[in-house]
Amino acid sequence: LCDIILMSDTGRGGKPPQLILLAPPPLVHLTEFSEMFAGGAEKSEQLGERYGTVATEKGIEFLNAGEFIKTSDIDGVHFEADDHHHLGVAVALRVRRALG
C-alpha cells in the first residue's frame, strides 16, 4: 500500500502525499480472541520494529502506537477510550511535525 501511495500524484504539487506509517500496539491478555490470534501476542511484539524498518526503507514518517497505548485487558485487541485519545494526540503531533 505504501508503494501505491508513493507512486501517486495526488499530493501537493502533483507529488505523492506524505505518509505516516503506524504500527499497532502489541496484543495483550487475549480472551475471546485467543484461539483466533493463537501466537499473535508474541508475534505482535515485533510489529513496531518491522514497521519501523519499512518506514525507513521507504523514507516515510513512522509512529509506533505501542509507545503510546496498549490494547485493552478486556479482549487484548481493542483499545480503551483513554488509549484512543492518547493515540489521537500522538498522531496529531506527528502530523504537525511532518507538515513542518
N, C-alpha and C. Protein backbone atom coordinates (compact mmCIF):
# COMPACT_ATOMS: atom_id res chain seq x y z
N LEU A 1 0.82 -1.19 0.00
CA LEU A 1 0.00 0.00 0.00
C LEU A 1 0.87 1.26 0.00
N CYS A 2 1.95 1.22 0.78
CA CYS A 2 2.85 2.39 0.79
C CYS A 2 3.38 2.66 -0.61
N ASP A 3 3.77 1.61 -1.32
CA ASP A 3 4.31 1.78 -2.67
C ASP A 3 3.29 2.42 -3.61
N ILE A 4 2.04 2.00 -3.50
CA ILE A 4 0.99 2.56 -4.35
C ILE A 4 0.84 4.05 -4.07
N ILE A 5 0.80 4.41 -2.80
CA ILE A 5 0.63 5.82 -2.43
C ILE A 5 1.84 6.64 -2.87
N LEU A 6 3.02 6.07 -2.70
CA LEU A 6 4.25 6.79 -3.07
C LEU A 6 4.39 6.98 -4.58
N MET A 7 3.63 6.24 -5.36
CA MET A 7 3.63 6.42 -6.82
C MET A 7 2.51 7.35 -7.28
N SER A 8 1.69 7.79 -6.33
CA SER A 8 0.54 8.63 -6.64
C SER A 8 0.97 10.07 -6.90
N ASP A 9 0.15 10.78 -7.63
CA ASP A 9 0.42 12.21 -7.88
C ASP A 9 -0.66 13.07 -7.23
N THR A 10 -1.25 12.55 -6.15
CA THR A 10 -2.38 13.23 -5.52
C THR A 10 -1.98 14.14 -4.36
N GLY A 11 -0.69 14.29 -4.12
CA GLY A 11 -0.23 15.19 -3.06
C GLY A 11 -0.04 16.60 -3.57
N ARG A 12 0.54 17.43 -2.74
CA ARG A 12 0.80 18.83 -3.12
C ARG A 12 1.68 18.89 -4.36
N GLY A 13 1.31 19.74 -5.27
CA GLY A 13 2.11 19.94 -6.48
C GLY A 13 2.21 18.72 -7.37
N GLY A 14 1.23 17.83 -7.28
CA GLY A 14 1.24 16.63 -8.12
C GLY A 14 2.24 15.58 -7.67
N LYS A 15 2.77 15.74 -6.48
CA LYS A 15 3.72 14.76 -5.94
C LYS A 15 2.97 13.77 -5.05
N PRO A 16 3.63 12.69 -4.64
CA PRO A 16 2.97 11.76 -3.72
C PRO A 16 2.67 12.44 -2.39
N PRO A 17 1.56 12.06 -1.76
CA PRO A 17 1.26 12.64 -0.45
C PRO A 17 2.25 12.13 0.59
N GLN A 18 2.41 12.90 1.66
CA GLN A 18 3.26 12.45 2.76
C GLN A 18 2.56 11.30 3.47
N LEU A 19 3.35 10.36 3.94
CA LEU A 19 2.80 9.20 4.65
C LEU A 19 3.34 9.13 6.07
N ILE A 20 2.51 8.62 6.95
CA ILE A 20 2.94 8.26 8.29
C ILE A 20 2.47 6.83 8.50
N LEU A 21 3.41 5.93 8.64
CA LEU A 21 3.10 4.52 8.85
C LEU A 21 2.95 4.28 10.35
N LEU A 22 1.81 3.72 10.76
CA LEU A 22 1.54 3.45 12.16
C LEU A 22 1.62 1.95 12.43
N ALA A 23 2.44 1.58 13.39
CA ALA A 23 2.48 0.19 13.85
C ALA A 23 1.48 0.04 14.97
N PRO A 24 0.65 -0.99 14.94
CA PRO A 24 -0.31 -1.19 16.03
C PRO A 24 0.41 -1.63 17.30
N PRO A 25 -0.22 -1.41 18.45
CA PRO A 25 0.39 -1.89 19.68
C PRO A 25 0.31 -3.41 19.75
N PRO A 26 1.19 -4.01 20.52
CA PRO A 26 1.13 -5.48 20.66
C PRO A 26 -0.19 -5.93 21.28
N LEU A 27 -0.59 -7.13 20.93
CA LEU A 27 -1.76 -7.75 21.53
C LEU A 27 -1.40 -8.17 22.96
N VAL A 28 -2.35 -8.03 23.87
CA VAL A 28 -2.12 -8.47 25.26
C VAL A 28 -3.37 -9.17 25.79
N HIS A 29 -3.20 -9.97 26.79
CA HIS A 29 -4.30 -10.60 27.52
C HIS A 29 -5.45 -11.03 26.62
N LEU A 30 -5.14 -11.81 25.59
CA LEU A 30 -6.19 -12.26 24.68
C LEU A 30 -7.21 -13.10 25.42
N THR A 31 -8.46 -12.79 25.25
CA THR A 31 -9.53 -13.54 25.92
C THR A 31 -10.35 -14.27 24.87
N GLU A 32 -11.47 -13.69 24.46
CA GLU A 32 -12.34 -14.36 23.50
C GLU A 32 -11.70 -14.54 22.13
N PHE A 33 -10.63 -13.80 21.86
CA PHE A 33 -9.96 -13.91 20.56
C PHE A 33 -8.71 -14.80 20.63
N SER A 34 -8.49 -15.46 21.75
CA SER A 34 -7.24 -16.19 21.94
C SER A 34 -7.03 -17.28 20.89
N GLU A 35 -8.09 -17.98 20.52
CA GLU A 35 -7.93 -19.03 19.51
C GLU A 35 -7.67 -18.42 18.13
N MET A 36 -8.39 -17.37 17.81
CA MET A 36 -8.25 -16.72 16.51
C MET A 36 -6.83 -16.15 16.32
N PHE A 37 -6.26 -15.62 17.40
CA PHE A 37 -4.96 -14.99 17.34
C PHE A 37 -3.87 -15.82 18.02
N ALA A 38 -3.99 -17.13 17.96
CA ALA A 38 -3.00 -18.01 18.60
C ALA A 38 -1.60 -17.65 18.12
N GLY A 39 -0.70 -17.38 19.06
CA GLY A 39 0.67 -16.99 18.73
C GLY A 39 0.81 -15.53 18.36
N GLY A 40 -0.31 -14.83 18.26
CA GLY A 40 -0.29 -13.44 17.82
C GLY A 40 0.36 -12.48 18.81
N ALA A 41 0.18 -12.73 20.09
CA ALA A 41 0.75 -11.82 21.10
C ALA A 41 2.26 -11.78 20.96
N GLU A 42 2.87 -12.93 20.82
CA GLU A 42 4.33 -12.98 20.68
C GLU A 42 4.78 -12.33 19.38
N LYS A 43 4.11 -12.64 18.30
CA LYS A 43 4.47 -12.06 17.00
C LYS A 43 4.26 -10.55 16.99
N SER A 44 3.20 -10.09 17.65
CA SER A 44 2.89 -8.66 17.61
C SER A 44 3.92 -7.82 18.33
N GLU A 45 4.73 -8.42 19.18
CA GLU A 45 5.80 -7.69 19.87
C GLU A 45 6.83 -7.15 18.87
N GLN A 46 6.89 -7.74 17.69
CA GLN A 46 7.87 -7.35 16.67
C GLN A 46 7.34 -6.31 15.69
N LEU A 47 6.06 -5.98 15.77
CA LEU A 47 5.47 -5.10 14.77
C LEU A 47 6.11 -3.72 14.73
N GLY A 48 6.38 -3.12 15.88
CA GLY A 48 6.98 -1.79 15.89
C GLY A 48 8.31 -1.77 15.16
N GLU A 49 9.14 -2.74 15.44
CA GLU A 49 10.45 -2.81 14.77
C GLU A 49 10.30 -3.06 13.28
N ARG A 50 9.43 -3.97 12.92
CA ARG A 50 9.26 -4.30 11.49
C ARG A 50 8.64 -3.15 10.70
N TYR A 51 7.63 -2.52 11.25
CA TYR A 51 7.04 -1.36 10.57
C TYR A 51 8.06 -0.23 10.48
N GLY A 52 8.84 -0.04 11.54
CA GLY A 52 9.87 0.99 11.53
C GLY A 52 10.89 0.77 10.42
N THR A 53 11.25 -0.48 10.21
CA THR A 53 12.19 -0.83 9.14
C THR A 53 11.60 -0.47 7.78
N VAL A 54 10.33 -0.81 7.58
CA VAL A 54 9.67 -0.48 6.31
C VAL A 54 9.63 1.03 6.11
N ALA A 55 9.29 1.77 7.16
CA ALA A 55 9.23 3.23 7.05
C ALA A 55 10.59 3.80 6.68
N THR A 56 11.64 3.30 7.30
CA THR A 56 12.99 3.76 6.98
C THR A 56 13.34 3.45 5.54
N GLU A 57 13.05 2.23 5.11
CA GLU A 57 13.35 1.84 3.72
C GLU A 57 12.60 2.69 2.71
N LYS A 58 11.38 3.08 3.03
CA LYS A 58 10.55 3.86 2.11
C LYS A 58 10.75 5.36 2.27
N GLY A 59 11.46 5.78 3.32
CA GLY A 59 11.69 7.20 3.55
C GLY A 59 10.45 7.93 4.00
N ILE A 60 9.63 7.26 4.81
CA ILE A 60 8.39 7.88 5.28
C ILE A 60 8.39 7.98 6.80
N GLU A 61 7.51 8.83 7.32
CA GLU A 61 7.37 9.01 8.76
C GLU A 61 6.85 7.72 9.38
N PHE A 62 7.12 7.56 10.67
CA PHE A 62 6.71 6.35 11.39
C PHE A 62 6.25 6.69 12.80
N LEU A 63 5.23 6.00 13.25
CA LEU A 63 4.76 6.14 14.62
C LEU A 63 4.46 4.73 15.15
N ASN A 64 5.09 4.38 16.24
CA ASN A 64 4.84 3.10 16.88
C ASN A 64 3.79 3.31 17.96
N ALA A 65 2.56 2.92 17.68
CA ALA A 65 1.46 3.14 18.62
C ALA A 65 1.72 2.46 19.97
N GLY A 66 2.50 1.38 19.95
CA GLY A 66 2.82 0.68 21.18
C GLY A 66 3.63 1.52 22.16
N GLU A 67 4.20 2.62 21.70
CA GLU A 67 4.92 3.52 22.60
C GLU A 67 3.97 4.45 23.35
N PHE A 68 2.71 4.50 22.91
CA PHE A 68 1.76 5.44 23.48
C PHE A 68 0.55 4.77 24.11
N ILE A 69 0.17 3.60 23.61
CA ILE A 69 -1.02 2.92 24.09
C ILE A 69 -0.78 1.43 24.20
N LYS A 70 -1.75 0.75 24.82
CA LYS A 70 -1.75 -0.71 24.86
C LYS A 70 -3.16 -1.18 24.53
N THR A 71 -3.26 -2.44 24.18
CA THR A 71 -4.59 -2.98 23.91
C THR A 71 -5.29 -3.26 25.23
N SER A 72 -6.60 -3.30 25.17
CA SER A 72 -7.43 -3.44 26.36
C SER A 72 -7.28 -4.81 27.02
N ASP A 73 -7.31 -4.83 28.33
CA ASP A 73 -7.31 -6.09 29.07
C ASP A 73 -8.64 -6.84 28.88
N ILE A 74 -9.65 -6.17 28.36
CA ILE A 74 -10.95 -6.81 28.16
C ILE A 74 -10.84 -7.92 27.12
N ASP A 75 -10.20 -7.62 25.98
CA ASP A 75 -10.08 -8.65 24.95
C ASP A 75 -8.67 -8.77 24.37
N GLY A 76 -7.79 -7.84 24.71
CA GLY A 76 -6.41 -7.91 24.24
C GLY A 76 -6.19 -7.40 22.84
N VAL A 77 -7.23 -6.92 22.18
CA VAL A 77 -7.13 -6.50 20.78
C VAL A 77 -7.52 -5.03 20.60
N HIS A 78 -8.64 -4.63 21.17
CA HIS A 78 -9.15 -3.28 21.00
C HIS A 78 -8.54 -2.33 22.02
N PHE A 79 -8.85 -1.03 21.88
CA PHE A 79 -8.30 -0.01 22.76
C PHE A 79 -9.38 0.53 23.68
N GLU A 80 -8.97 0.99 24.85
CA GLU A 80 -9.87 1.68 25.76
C GLU A 80 -10.02 3.13 25.28
N ALA A 81 -11.04 3.82 25.77
CA ALA A 81 -11.32 5.20 25.34
C ALA A 81 -10.11 6.11 25.56
N ASP A 82 -9.47 6.00 26.72
CA ASP A 82 -8.29 6.84 27.00
C ASP A 82 -7.17 6.58 26.01
N ASP A 83 -7.02 5.31 25.61
CA ASP A 83 -5.97 4.99 24.65
C ASP A 83 -6.26 5.56 23.27
N HIS A 84 -7.53 5.60 22.88
CA HIS A 84 -7.89 6.27 21.62
C HIS A 84 -7.48 7.73 21.68
N HIS A 85 -7.74 8.36 22.81
CA HIS A 85 -7.36 9.77 22.98
C HIS A 85 -5.85 9.94 22.90
N HIS A 86 -5.10 9.12 23.63
CA HIS A 86 -3.64 9.23 23.63
C HIS A 86 -3.06 8.98 22.23
N LEU A 87 -3.62 8.02 21.51
CA LEU A 87 -3.14 7.76 20.16
C LEU A 87 -3.47 8.94 19.25
N GLY A 88 -4.66 9.50 19.39
CA GLY A 88 -5.03 10.66 18.58
C GLY A 88 -4.10 11.84 18.80
N VAL A 89 -3.73 12.08 20.04
CA VAL A 89 -2.79 13.17 20.35
C VAL A 89 -1.43 12.88 19.73
N ALA A 90 -0.95 11.64 19.85
CA ALA A 90 0.36 11.28 19.29
C ALA A 90 0.37 11.41 17.77
N VAL A 91 -0.72 10.99 17.13
CA VAL A 91 -0.80 11.11 15.67
C VAL A 91 -0.86 12.58 15.26
N ALA A 92 -1.64 13.38 15.97
CA ALA A 92 -1.74 14.80 15.64
C ALA A 92 -0.38 15.49 15.75
N LEU A 93 0.37 15.17 16.79
CA LEU A 93 1.70 15.76 16.93
C LEU A 93 2.63 15.33 15.80
N ARG A 94 2.54 14.07 15.40
CA ARG A 94 3.40 13.58 14.31
C ARG A 94 3.00 14.22 12.99
N VAL A 95 1.72 14.42 12.77
CA VAL A 95 1.26 15.08 11.54
C VAL A 95 1.76 16.52 11.51
N ARG A 96 1.63 17.22 12.62
CA ARG A 96 2.13 18.61 12.68
C ARG A 96 3.61 18.65 12.38
N ARG A 97 4.37 17.73 12.94
CA ARG A 97 5.81 17.69 12.71
C ARG A 97 6.12 17.40 11.24
N ALA A 98 5.36 16.48 10.65
CA ALA A 98 5.59 16.12 9.25
C ALA A 98 5.26 17.29 8.31
N LEU A 99 4.27 18.06 8.66
CA LEU A 99 3.88 19.19 7.81
C LEU A 99 4.76 20.42 8.02
N GLY A 100 5.56 20.37 9.09
CA GLY A 100 6.51 21.44 9.35
C GLY A 100 5.82 22.68 9.73
